[in-house]
Amino acid sequence: MKIPAFRGVRQNKPKSRSRKSIFHINPISRWHPHLRLIINWIVIFGSAILCLLMLPTRLPGMELLGIGPNWLLIWVVAWSVKRTPLQGALAGMVLGLLQDAIALPDPTHALSLGAVGFLTALLQKQRFIQEDFISIALIVFGMAVLAETIFASQLTLMGDRNITDIWAYYQKVALASAIVSSLWAPVVYFPLNRWWQRLKLAEQQS
């Protein structure tokens, strides 16, 4: 007995896997050198400005004793960890001046962030410290304590505040800032480091 065929009913053919995606991005090594340079500067300035705007932000789970992560310090560490001390110091000073523009400029943040960039680059992490999130968190922890200590020292030298109150307050601030910043450091370090690694590899291949 023959089963009548139903006309007008088409069998769905499996889609070919060889169909190319509409959005195709060439590898970074195939980008024009000027395009790579422009994109890199966009990433640098964009991420720095984003960290600057994130400073007053207080989201749930992002603060300890009312202190949030020092996003600019994290950015300076991520930038300086594989660069020269001069590059680290300049980046820290520029971001410190930008922070002064949106906060109280007296005392300045340029000195503390400049010192953070300089000393982070001196660590020569690629030689002495393994590249993982734990080592970056430890660096950020130490540099956060250093930055708050330098800032408190500037307040002390100004001489218009009680020295005992300054150091009693900044001991808590330094510890809270160091803990929170070290915990959130991978959020900034991982994407930036991955981009700079891919960019360096592309430059070597081209």
N, C-alpha and C. Protein backbone atom coordinates (compact mmCIF):
# COMPACT_ATOMS: atom_id res chain seq x y z
N MET A 1 0.84 -1.19 0.00
CA MET A 1 0.00 0.00 0.00
C MET A 1 0.87 1.24 0.00
N LYS A 2 0.58 2.15 -0.92
CA LYS A 2 1.39 3.35 -1.03
C LYS A 2 0.82 4.46 -0.17
N ILE A 3 1.70 5.15 0.49
CA ILE A 3 1.29 6.31 1.31
C ILE A 3 1.31 7.54 0.43
N PRO A 4 0.18 8.23 0.32
CA PRO A 4 0.15 9.40 -0.57
C PRO A 4 1.09 10.49 -0.09
N ALA A 5 1.75 11.09 -1.05
CA ALA A 5 2.69 12.17 -0.73
C ALA A 5 1.92 13.47 -0.62
N PHE A 6 2.28 14.26 0.33
CA PHE A 6 1.64 15.56 0.54
C PHE A 6 2.46 16.61 -0.17
N ARG A 7 1.85 17.20 -1.17
CA ARG A 7 2.53 18.25 -1.92
C ARG A 7 2.46 19.57 -1.15
N GLY A 8 3.40 20.35 -1.41
CA GLY A 8 3.43 21.67 -0.76
C GLY A 8 4.14 21.67 0.58
N VAL A 9 4.45 20.48 1.10
CA VAL A 9 5.17 20.39 2.37
C VAL A 9 6.64 20.14 2.08
N ARG A 10 7.43 21.07 2.46
CA ARG A 10 8.87 20.97 2.19
C ARG A 10 9.59 20.47 3.42
N GLN A 11 10.51 19.63 3.17
CA GLN A 11 11.32 19.14 4.27
C GLN A 11 12.38 20.18 4.61
N ASN A 12 12.51 20.41 5.91
CA ASN A 12 13.51 21.37 6.36
C ASN A 12 14.90 20.77 6.25
N LYS A 13 15.69 21.40 5.45
CA LYS A 13 17.07 20.93 5.29
C LYS A 13 17.95 21.51 6.39
N PRO A 14 18.83 20.71 6.88
CA PRO A 14 19.72 21.23 7.93
C PRO A 14 20.57 22.37 7.37
N LYS A 15 20.71 23.38 8.22
CA LYS A 15 21.50 24.54 7.81
C LYS A 15 22.97 24.17 7.68
N SER A 16 23.56 24.70 6.68
CA SER A 16 24.98 24.41 6.45
C SER A 16 25.82 25.09 7.51
N ARG A 17 26.73 24.35 8.08
CA ARG A 17 27.61 24.91 9.08
C ARG A 17 28.70 25.78 8.48
N SER A 18 28.81 25.66 7.16
CA SER A 18 29.87 26.43 6.50
C SER A 18 29.46 27.87 6.23
N ARG A 19 28.21 28.20 6.60
CA ARG A 19 27.77 29.57 6.37
C ARG A 19 28.56 30.52 7.26
N LYS A 20 29.07 31.53 6.68
CA LYS A 20 29.94 32.46 7.40
C LYS A 20 29.10 33.42 8.22
N SER A 21 29.67 33.85 9.31
CA SER A 21 29.00 34.82 10.16
C SER A 21 28.95 36.18 9.48
N ILE A 22 27.88 36.90 9.79
CA ILE A 22 27.73 38.24 9.19
C ILE A 22 28.82 39.17 9.71
N PHE A 23 29.09 39.06 11.01
CA PHE A 23 30.09 39.93 11.62
C PHE A 23 31.41 39.16 11.72
N HIS A 24 32.35 39.57 10.95
CA HIS A 24 33.65 38.90 10.94
C HIS A 24 34.72 39.93 11.28
N ILE A 25 35.45 39.68 12.36
CA ILE A 25 36.51 40.58 12.81
C ILE A 25 37.85 39.92 12.53
N ASN A 26 38.67 40.61 11.80
CA ASN A 26 40.00 40.08 11.49
C ASN A 26 40.86 40.03 12.73
N PRO A 27 41.82 39.10 12.78
CA PRO A 27 42.75 39.08 13.91
C PRO A 27 43.50 40.40 14.03
N ILE A 28 43.94 40.69 15.24
CA ILE A 28 44.62 41.97 15.50
C ILE A 28 45.88 42.10 14.65
N SER A 29 46.53 40.97 14.36
CA SER A 29 47.76 41.03 13.57
C SER A 29 47.52 41.53 12.15
N ARG A 30 46.27 41.41 11.66
CA ARG A 30 45.94 41.87 10.32
C ARG A 30 45.46 43.31 10.29
N TRP A 31 45.30 43.91 11.45
CA TRP A 31 44.89 45.30 11.49
C TRP A 31 46.02 46.20 11.00
N HIS A 32 45.64 47.33 10.47
CA HIS A 32 46.64 48.32 10.08
C HIS A 32 47.32 48.86 11.34
N PRO A 33 48.64 49.09 11.29
CA PRO A 33 49.34 49.59 12.49
C PRO A 33 48.72 50.85 13.08
N HIS A 34 48.26 51.76 12.21
CA HIS A 34 47.64 52.98 12.72
C HIS A 34 46.33 52.67 13.44
N LEU A 35 45.59 51.69 12.93
CA LEU A 35 44.33 51.30 13.57
C LEU A 35 44.60 50.69 14.94
N ARG A 36 45.63 49.83 15.04
CA ARG A 36 45.99 49.25 16.33
C ARG A 36 46.38 50.32 17.32
N LEU A 37 47.12 51.32 16.84
CA LEU A 37 47.54 52.41 17.73
C LEU A 37 46.34 53.21 18.22
N ILE A 38 45.41 53.50 17.33
CA ILE A 38 44.23 54.28 17.71
C ILE A 38 43.37 53.51 18.71
N ILE A 39 43.14 52.21 18.43
CA ILE A 39 42.33 51.40 19.33
C ILE A 39 43.00 51.28 20.69
N ASN A 40 44.32 51.16 20.70
CA ASN A 40 45.04 51.05 21.97
C ASN A 40 44.88 52.31 22.80
N TRP A 41 44.99 53.47 22.17
CA TRP A 41 44.82 54.74 22.90
C TRP A 41 43.39 54.88 23.39
N ILE A 42 42.44 54.41 22.61
CA ILE A 42 41.04 54.45 23.05
C ILE A 42 40.85 53.58 24.29
N VAL A 43 41.47 52.39 24.28
CA VAL A 43 41.38 51.50 25.43
C VAL A 43 42.03 52.14 26.65
N ILE A 44 43.20 52.77 26.45
CA ILE A 44 43.92 53.38 27.57
C ILE A 44 43.11 54.52 28.17
N PHE A 45 42.71 55.48 27.34
CA PHE A 45 41.98 56.64 27.85
C PHE A 45 40.60 56.23 28.35
N GLY A 46 39.93 55.35 27.62
CA GLY A 46 38.59 54.94 28.03
C GLY A 46 38.58 54.24 29.37
N SER A 47 39.52 53.31 29.57
CA SER A 47 39.57 52.59 30.84
C SER A 47 39.98 53.50 31.99
N ALA A 48 40.90 54.45 31.73
CA ALA A 48 41.32 55.38 32.78
C ALA A 48 40.18 56.30 33.20
N ILE A 49 39.45 56.83 32.22
CA ILE A 49 38.31 57.70 32.54
C ILE A 49 37.22 56.91 33.26
N LEU A 50 36.99 55.66 32.85
CA LEU A 50 35.99 54.83 33.52
C LEU A 50 36.36 54.60 34.98
N CYS A 51 37.64 54.33 35.24
CA CYS A 51 38.10 54.16 36.62
C CYS A 51 37.94 55.45 37.41
N LEU A 52 38.19 56.58 36.77
CA LEU A 52 38.02 57.87 37.42
C LEU A 52 36.57 58.10 37.81
N LEU A 53 35.66 57.77 36.90
CA LEU A 53 34.23 57.96 37.17
C LEU A 53 33.70 56.96 38.20
N MET A 54 34.38 55.82 38.34
CA MET A 54 33.94 54.80 39.29
C MET A 54 34.35 55.11 40.73
N LEU A 55 35.23 56.09 40.94
CA LEU A 55 35.72 56.37 42.29
C LEU A 55 34.60 56.70 43.28
N PRO A 56 33.66 57.58 42.94
CA PRO A 56 32.60 57.87 43.93
C PRO A 56 31.48 56.84 43.97
N THR A 57 31.54 55.80 43.13
CA THR A 57 30.47 54.82 43.06
C THR A 57 30.56 53.85 44.23
N ARG A 58 29.42 53.61 44.86
CA ARG A 58 29.36 52.66 45.97
C ARG A 58 28.24 51.66 45.70
N LEU A 59 28.59 50.53 45.17
CA LEU A 59 27.63 49.47 44.91
C LEU A 59 27.66 48.45 46.04
N PRO A 60 26.58 47.68 46.22
CA PRO A 60 26.56 46.66 47.29
C PRO A 60 27.73 45.69 47.16
N GLY A 61 28.42 45.47 48.27
CA GLY A 61 29.56 44.57 48.28
C GLY A 61 30.84 45.18 47.77
N MET A 62 30.82 46.50 47.52
CA MET A 62 31.99 47.17 46.94
C MET A 62 32.65 48.13 47.92
N GLU A 63 32.28 48.06 49.19
CA GLU A 63 32.87 48.97 50.15
C GLU A 63 33.09 48.27 51.48
N LEU A 64 34.03 48.80 52.23
CA LEU A 64 34.36 48.29 53.55
C LEU A 64 34.60 49.50 54.46
N LEU A 65 33.80 49.60 55.52
CA LEU A 65 33.86 50.75 56.42
C LEU A 65 33.65 52.07 55.68
N GLY A 66 32.81 52.00 54.65
CA GLY A 66 32.54 53.20 53.87
C GLY A 66 33.60 53.54 52.84
N ILE A 67 34.60 52.70 52.68
CA ILE A 67 35.70 52.94 51.74
C ILE A 67 35.53 52.00 50.54
N GLY A 68 35.57 52.55 49.34
CA GLY A 68 35.46 51.75 48.12
C GLY A 68 36.82 51.48 47.51
N PRO A 69 36.87 50.71 46.44
CA PRO A 69 38.14 50.42 45.77
C PRO A 69 38.76 51.69 45.18
N ASN A 70 40.07 51.73 45.23
CA ASN A 70 40.80 52.83 44.59
C ASN A 70 41.07 52.42 43.14
N TRP A 71 40.09 52.69 42.28
CA TRP A 71 40.15 52.22 40.90
C TRP A 71 41.34 52.80 40.14
N LEU A 72 41.67 54.05 40.41
CA LEU A 72 42.81 54.66 39.71
C LEU A 72 44.12 53.98 40.12
N LEU A 73 44.25 53.65 41.39
CA LEU A 73 45.46 52.95 41.83
C LEU A 73 45.56 51.58 41.17
N ILE A 74 44.44 50.87 41.06
CA ILE A 74 44.44 49.57 40.38
C ILE A 74 44.88 49.73 38.93
N TRP A 75 44.37 50.77 38.26
CA TRP A 75 44.74 51.01 36.87
C TRP A 75 46.23 51.30 36.75
N VAL A 76 46.76 52.10 37.66
CA VAL A 76 48.19 52.44 37.62
C VAL A 76 49.04 51.19 37.81
N VAL A 77 48.63 50.31 38.70
CA VAL A 77 49.37 49.06 38.90
C VAL A 77 49.30 48.20 37.64
N ALA A 78 48.10 48.08 37.05
CA ALA A 78 47.96 47.28 35.83
C ALA A 78 48.81 47.84 34.69
N TRP A 79 48.90 49.15 34.60
CA TRP A 79 49.70 49.80 33.56
C TRP A 79 51.19 49.64 33.81
N SER A 80 51.62 49.82 35.06
CA SER A 80 53.04 49.93 35.37
C SER A 80 53.74 48.61 35.53
N VAL A 81 52.98 47.52 35.71
CA VAL A 81 53.60 46.26 36.10
C VAL A 81 54.53 45.71 35.01
N LYS A 82 54.34 46.11 33.76
CA LYS A 82 55.22 45.64 32.68
C LYS A 82 55.82 46.80 31.90
N ARG A 83 55.98 47.93 32.55
CA ARG A 83 56.54 49.09 31.88
C ARG A 83 57.67 49.68 32.70
N THR A 84 58.32 50.69 32.16
CA THR A 84 59.47 51.29 32.83
C THR A 84 59.00 52.15 34.00
N PRO A 85 59.89 52.41 34.96
CA PRO A 85 59.52 53.27 36.09
C PRO A 85 59.08 54.67 35.65
N LEU A 86 59.70 55.21 34.60
CA LEU A 86 59.29 56.53 34.13
C LEU A 86 57.87 56.51 33.59
N GLN A 87 57.55 55.50 32.81
CA GLN A 87 56.19 55.38 32.28
C GLN A 87 55.17 55.20 33.40
N GLY A 88 55.52 54.40 34.39
CA GLY A 88 54.62 54.21 35.52
C GLY A 88 54.41 55.47 36.32
N ALA A 89 55.51 56.21 36.57
CA ALA A 89 55.39 57.44 37.34
C ALA A 89 54.58 58.50 36.60
N LEU A 90 54.80 58.64 35.29
CA LEU A 90 54.06 59.63 34.51
C LEU A 90 52.57 59.30 34.48
N ALA A 91 52.24 58.02 34.28
CA ALA A 91 50.84 57.63 34.27
C ALA A 91 50.19 57.91 35.62
N GLY A 92 50.90 57.58 36.70
CA GLY A 92 50.35 57.83 38.03
C GLY A 92 50.14 59.31 38.31
N MET A 93 51.08 60.14 37.89
CA MET A 93 50.96 61.57 38.13
C MET A 93 49.80 62.17 37.33
N VAL A 94 49.65 61.73 36.08
CA VAL A 94 48.54 62.25 35.25
C VAL A 94 47.20 61.88 35.85
N LEU A 95 47.05 60.62 36.25
CA LEU A 95 45.79 60.19 36.85
C LEU A 95 45.57 60.86 38.21
N GLY A 96 46.66 61.11 38.93
CA GLY A 96 46.52 61.83 40.19
C GLY A 96 46.01 63.25 40.00
N LEU A 97 46.49 63.92 38.96
CA LEU A 97 46.01 65.26 38.65
C LEU A 97 44.54 65.24 38.22
N LEU A 98 44.16 64.20 37.48
CA LEU A 98 42.75 64.07 37.10
C LEU A 98 41.88 63.85 38.33
N GLN A 99 42.39 63.08 39.29
CA GLN A 99 41.63 62.89 40.52
C GLN A 99 41.53 64.19 41.31
N ASP A 100 42.59 64.98 41.28
CA ASP A 100 42.54 66.28 41.95
C ASP A 100 41.47 67.19 41.35
N ALA A 101 41.21 66.99 40.05
CA ALA A 101 40.24 67.84 39.37
C ALA A 101 38.81 67.57 39.84
N ILE A 102 38.53 66.36 40.33
CA ILE A 102 37.18 66.04 40.78
C ILE A 102 37.11 65.93 42.30
N ALA A 103 38.25 66.07 42.97
CA ALA A 103 38.27 65.99 44.43
C ALA A 103 39.06 67.19 44.96
N LEU A 104 39.36 67.17 46.25
CA LEU A 104 40.13 68.26 46.83
C LEU A 104 41.58 68.17 46.34
N PRO A 105 42.11 69.21 45.71
CA PRO A 105 43.48 69.14 45.17
C PRO A 105 44.57 69.37 46.21
N ASP A 106 44.19 69.61 47.46
CA ASP A 106 45.18 69.91 48.48
C ASP A 106 44.95 69.00 49.69
N PRO A 107 45.80 68.00 49.91
CA PRO A 107 47.02 67.68 49.15
C PRO A 107 46.71 66.92 47.86
N THR A 108 47.70 66.90 46.99
CA THR A 108 47.52 66.30 45.68
C THR A 108 47.61 64.77 45.73
N HIS A 109 46.88 64.13 44.81
CA HIS A 109 46.96 62.67 44.65
C HIS A 109 48.05 62.28 43.66
N ALA A 110 48.61 63.27 42.96
CA ALA A 110 49.62 62.97 41.93
C ALA A 110 50.87 62.37 42.55
N LEU A 111 51.23 62.83 43.74
CA LEU A 111 52.45 62.32 44.37
C LEU A 111 52.31 60.85 44.75
N SER A 112 51.19 60.49 45.35
CA SER A 112 51.01 59.10 45.79
C SER A 112 50.87 58.15 44.60
N LEU A 113 50.07 58.52 43.61
CA LEU A 113 49.91 57.63 42.44
C LEU A 113 51.18 57.59 41.60
N GLY A 114 51.90 58.68 41.54
CA GLY A 114 53.19 58.67 40.84
C GLY A 114 54.18 57.71 41.50
N ALA A 115 54.21 57.73 42.82
CA ALA A 115 55.08 56.80 43.55
C ALA A 115 54.65 55.36 43.35
N VAL A 116 53.33 55.13 43.31
CA VAL A 116 52.82 53.78 43.07
C VAL A 116 53.26 53.26 41.70
N GLY A 117 53.12 54.10 40.67
CA GLY A 117 53.54 53.68 39.33
C GLY A 117 55.03 53.42 39.25
N PHE A 118 55.81 54.28 39.87
CA PHE A 118 57.27 54.13 39.83
C PHE A 118 57.72 52.85 40.54
N LEU A 119 57.20 52.61 41.75
CA LEU A 119 57.64 51.45 42.52
C LEU A 119 57.10 50.15 41.94
N THR A 120 55.89 50.18 41.39
CA THR A 120 55.35 48.97 40.76
C THR A 120 56.22 48.53 39.59
N ALA A 121 56.65 49.49 38.78
CA ALA A 121 57.52 49.16 37.65
C ALA A 121 58.88 48.65 38.12
N LEU A 122 59.36 49.16 39.26
CA LEU A 122 60.65 48.70 39.79
C LEU A 122 60.60 47.25 40.27
N LEU A 123 59.41 46.76 40.56
CA LEU A 123 59.32 45.38 41.06
C LEU A 123 59.77 44.37 40.03
N GLN A 124 59.72 44.76 38.73
CA GLN A 124 60.08 43.84 37.65
C GLN A 124 59.34 42.52 37.82
N LYS A 125 58.03 42.63 37.86
CA LYS A 125 57.16 41.49 38.13
C LYS A 125 57.39 40.32 37.19
N GLN A 126 57.70 40.61 35.92
CA GLN A 126 57.85 39.52 34.96
C GLN A 126 59.04 38.63 35.30
N ARG A 127 59.92 39.09 36.18
CA ARG A 127 61.09 38.28 36.55
C ARG A 127 60.93 37.60 37.91
N PHE A 128 60.38 38.34 38.86
CA PHE A 128 60.41 37.86 40.24
C PHE A 128 59.06 37.38 40.77
N ILE A 129 57.98 37.75 40.14
CA ILE A 129 56.66 37.41 40.64
C ILE A 129 55.88 36.71 39.55
N GLN A 130 55.23 35.61 39.90
CA GLN A 130 54.42 34.89 38.93
C GLN A 130 53.23 35.75 38.52
N GLU A 131 52.84 35.61 37.26
CA GLU A 131 51.75 36.42 36.74
C GLU A 131 50.42 35.73 37.00
N ASP A 132 49.79 36.09 38.08
CA ASP A 132 48.45 35.60 38.38
C ASP A 132 47.73 36.66 39.19
N PHE A 133 46.47 36.39 39.46
CA PHE A 133 45.65 37.37 40.15
C PHE A 133 46.10 37.57 41.60
N ILE A 134 46.66 36.53 42.20
CA ILE A 134 47.09 36.65 43.59
C ILE A 134 48.25 37.63 43.71
N SER A 135 49.21 37.52 42.81
CA SER A 135 50.36 38.44 42.87
C SER A 135 49.93 39.87 42.61
N ILE A 136 49.01 40.07 41.66
CA ILE A 136 48.52 41.42 41.39
C ILE A 136 47.76 41.96 42.59
N ALA A 137 46.96 41.10 43.23
CA ALA A 137 46.23 41.53 44.42
C ALA A 137 47.18 41.93 45.54
N LEU A 138 48.27 41.19 45.70
CA LEU A 138 49.25 41.54 46.73
C LEU A 138 49.93 42.87 46.42
N ILE A 139 50.26 43.08 45.15
CA ILE A 139 50.88 44.35 44.76
C ILE A 139 49.92 45.51 45.03
N VAL A 140 48.66 45.34 44.63
CA VAL A 140 47.67 46.40 44.86
C VAL A 140 47.48 46.65 46.35
N PHE A 141 47.48 45.59 47.15
CA PHE A 141 47.33 45.75 48.60
C PHE A 141 48.46 46.62 49.16
N GLY A 142 49.70 46.27 48.82
CA GLY A 142 50.83 47.03 49.33
C GLY A 142 50.86 48.46 48.83
N MET A 143 50.52 48.65 47.56
CA MET A 143 50.55 49.99 46.99
C MET A 143 49.43 50.87 47.53
N ALA A 144 48.29 50.25 47.87
CA ALA A 144 47.19 51.02 48.47
C ALA A 144 47.60 51.54 49.85
N VAL A 145 48.25 50.70 50.62
CA VAL A 145 48.75 51.14 51.93
C VAL A 145 49.78 52.26 51.76
N LEU A 146 50.67 52.11 50.78
CA LEU A 146 51.68 53.14 50.52
C LEU A 146 51.03 54.45 50.10
N ALA A 147 50.06 54.39 49.21
CA ALA A 147 49.41 55.61 48.72
C ALA A 147 48.71 56.36 49.84
N GLU A 148 47.99 55.64 50.71
CA GLU A 148 47.31 56.29 51.82
C GLU A 148 48.31 56.84 52.83
N THR A 149 49.44 56.17 52.99
CA THR A 149 50.47 56.67 53.90
C THR A 149 51.08 57.97 53.37
N ILE A 150 51.34 58.03 52.07
CA ILE A 150 51.88 59.26 51.48
C ILE A 150 50.86 60.40 51.60
N PHE A 151 49.60 60.09 51.37
CA PHE A 151 48.55 61.11 51.47
C PHE A 151 48.44 61.62 52.91
N ALA A 152 48.48 60.72 53.89
CA ALA A 152 48.43 61.14 55.29
C ALA A 152 49.67 61.94 55.67
N SER A 153 50.82 61.60 55.11
CA SER A 153 52.05 62.35 55.39
C SER A 153 51.94 63.79 54.87
N GLN A 154 51.31 63.95 53.71
CA GLN A 154 51.11 65.30 53.18
C GLN A 154 50.19 66.12 54.09
N LEU A 155 49.14 65.49 54.60
CA LEU A 155 48.26 66.19 55.53
C LEU A 155 49.01 66.58 56.80
N THR A 156 49.90 65.70 57.25
CA THR A 156 50.68 66.00 58.46
C THR A 156 51.60 67.19 58.23
N LEU A 157 52.25 67.24 57.07
CA LEU A 157 53.18 68.33 56.78
C LEU A 157 52.46 69.66 56.60
N MET A 158 51.19 69.65 56.26
CA MET A 158 50.44 70.89 56.11
C MET A 158 50.28 71.59 57.45
N GLY A 159 50.22 70.83 58.54
CA GLY A 159 50.24 71.41 59.88
C GLY A 159 48.96 72.07 60.35
N ASP A 160 47.86 71.91 59.63
CA ASP A 160 46.61 72.55 60.04
C ASP A 160 45.62 71.55 60.62
N ARG A 161 46.07 70.32 60.88
CA ARG A 161 45.21 69.31 61.47
C ARG A 161 45.94 68.60 62.60
N ASN A 162 45.17 67.95 63.45
CA ASN A 162 45.75 67.20 64.56
C ASN A 162 46.43 65.94 64.02
N ILE A 163 47.70 65.80 64.29
CA ILE A 163 48.47 64.67 63.75
C ILE A 163 47.93 63.34 64.25
N THR A 164 47.54 63.28 65.52
CA THR A 164 47.02 62.03 66.08
C THR A 164 45.75 61.60 65.38
N ASP A 165 44.86 62.55 65.13
CA ASP A 165 43.60 62.24 64.44
C ASP A 165 43.86 61.79 63.01
N ILE A 166 44.83 62.43 62.36
CA ILE A 166 45.14 62.06 60.97
C ILE A 166 45.55 60.60 60.87
N TRP A 167 46.51 60.21 61.69
CA TRP A 167 47.04 58.85 61.58
C TRP A 167 46.09 57.80 62.13
N ALA A 168 45.28 58.17 63.12
CA ALA A 168 44.27 57.23 63.61
C ALA A 168 43.23 56.95 62.54
N TYR A 169 42.85 57.99 61.81
CA TYR A 169 41.86 57.82 60.75
C TYR A 169 42.43 57.07 59.55
N TYR A 170 43.64 57.44 59.13
CA TYR A 170 44.19 56.86 57.91
C TYR A 170 44.73 55.46 58.10
N GLN A 171 44.91 55.02 59.33
CA GLN A 171 45.22 53.60 59.54
C GLN A 171 44.03 52.74 59.12
N LYS A 172 42.83 53.18 59.50
CA LYS A 172 41.63 52.44 59.10
C LYS A 172 41.39 52.56 57.59
N VAL A 173 41.59 53.77 57.07
CA VAL A 173 41.37 53.99 55.64
C VAL A 173 42.34 53.16 54.80
N ALA A 174 43.60 53.14 55.21
CA ALA A 174 44.61 52.41 54.45
C ALA A 174 44.29 50.91 54.42
N LEU A 175 43.91 50.36 55.56
CA LEU A 175 43.62 48.92 55.62
C LEU A 175 42.38 48.58 54.81
N ALA A 176 41.32 49.38 54.97
CA ALA A 176 40.08 49.11 54.24
C ALA A 176 40.28 49.28 52.73
N SER A 177 40.98 50.33 52.32
CA SER A 177 41.24 50.57 50.91
C SER A 177 42.09 49.47 50.31
N ALA A 178 43.09 49.00 51.07
CA ALA A 178 43.97 47.95 50.57
C ALA A 178 43.21 46.64 50.37
N ILE A 179 42.34 46.30 51.31
CA ILE A 179 41.59 45.04 51.21
C ILE A 179 40.62 45.08 50.04
N VAL A 180 39.83 46.15 49.97
CA VAL A 180 38.81 46.23 48.91
C VAL A 180 39.47 46.35 47.53
N SER A 181 40.50 47.16 47.42
CA SER A 181 41.16 47.35 46.12
C SER A 181 41.81 46.06 45.64
N SER A 182 42.42 45.31 46.54
CA SER A 182 43.06 44.06 46.14
C SER A 182 42.04 43.03 45.68
N LEU A 183 40.86 43.03 46.29
CA LEU A 183 39.82 42.09 45.89
C LEU A 183 39.26 42.41 44.50
N TRP A 184 39.17 43.69 44.17
CA TRP A 184 38.60 44.10 42.90
C TRP A 184 39.65 44.33 41.82
N ALA A 185 40.91 44.14 42.15
CA ALA A 185 41.98 44.39 41.18
C ALA A 185 41.85 43.57 39.90
N PRO A 186 41.49 42.26 39.95
CA PRO A 186 41.38 41.49 38.70
C PRO A 186 40.36 42.04 37.72
N VAL A 187 39.35 42.75 38.21
CA VAL A 187 38.32 43.29 37.32
C VAL A 187 38.93 44.27 36.33
N VAL A 188 39.93 45.02 36.77
CA VAL A 188 40.60 45.98 35.89
C VAL A 188 41.80 45.35 35.21
N TYR A 189 42.56 44.55 35.97
CA TYR A 189 43.82 44.04 35.44
C TYR A 189 43.62 43.02 34.33
N PHE A 190 42.67 42.09 34.50
CA PHE A 190 42.53 40.99 33.54
C PHE A 190 42.22 41.48 32.12
N PRO A 191 41.20 42.31 31.89
CA PRO A 191 40.93 42.72 30.49
C PRO A 191 42.03 43.58 29.90
N LEU A 192 42.61 44.49 30.71
CA LEU A 192 43.67 45.34 30.19
C LEU A 192 44.92 44.53 29.85
N ASN A 193 45.30 43.63 30.74
CA ASN A 193 46.49 42.83 30.50
C ASN A 193 46.30 41.91 29.29
N ARG A 194 45.10 41.36 29.15
CA ARG A 194 44.82 40.48 28.01
C ARG A 194 44.91 41.26 26.70
N TRP A 195 44.36 42.48 26.69
CA TRP A 195 44.41 43.30 25.48
C TRP A 195 45.85 43.65 25.13
N TRP A 196 46.65 44.06 26.11
CA TRP A 196 48.03 44.46 25.84
C TRP A 196 48.88 43.26 25.43
N GLN A 197 48.59 42.09 25.96
CA GLN A 197 49.31 40.89 25.53
C GLN A 197 49.00 40.56 24.07
N ARG A 198 47.73 40.61 23.71
CA ARG A 198 47.34 40.32 22.32
C ARG A 198 47.90 41.38 21.38
N LEU A 199 47.93 42.61 21.82
CA LEU A 199 48.48 43.68 20.99
C LEU A 199 49.98 43.50 20.77
N LYS A 200 50.69 43.12 21.82
CA LYS A 200 52.13 42.89 21.69
C LYS A 200 52.41 41.72 20.77
N LEU A 201 51.61 40.64 20.89
CA LEU A 201 51.79 39.48 20.03
C LEU A 201 51.50 39.83 18.58
N ALA A 202 50.49 40.65 18.35
CA ALA A 202 50.15 41.07 16.98
C ALA A 202 51.26 41.90 16.38
N GLU A 203 51.87 42.77 17.17
CA GLU A 203 52.97 43.59 16.67
C GLU A 203 54.18 42.75 16.32
N GLN A 204 54.41 41.67 17.05
CA GLN A 204 55.53 40.79 16.76
C GLN A 204 55.28 39.96 15.50
N GLN A 205 54.02 39.62 15.24
CA GLN A 205 53.68 38.80 14.07
C GLN A 205 53.61 39.62 12.79
N SER A 206 53.34 40.91 12.91
CA SER A 206 53.17 41.73 11.71
C SER A 206 54.51 42.25 11.20
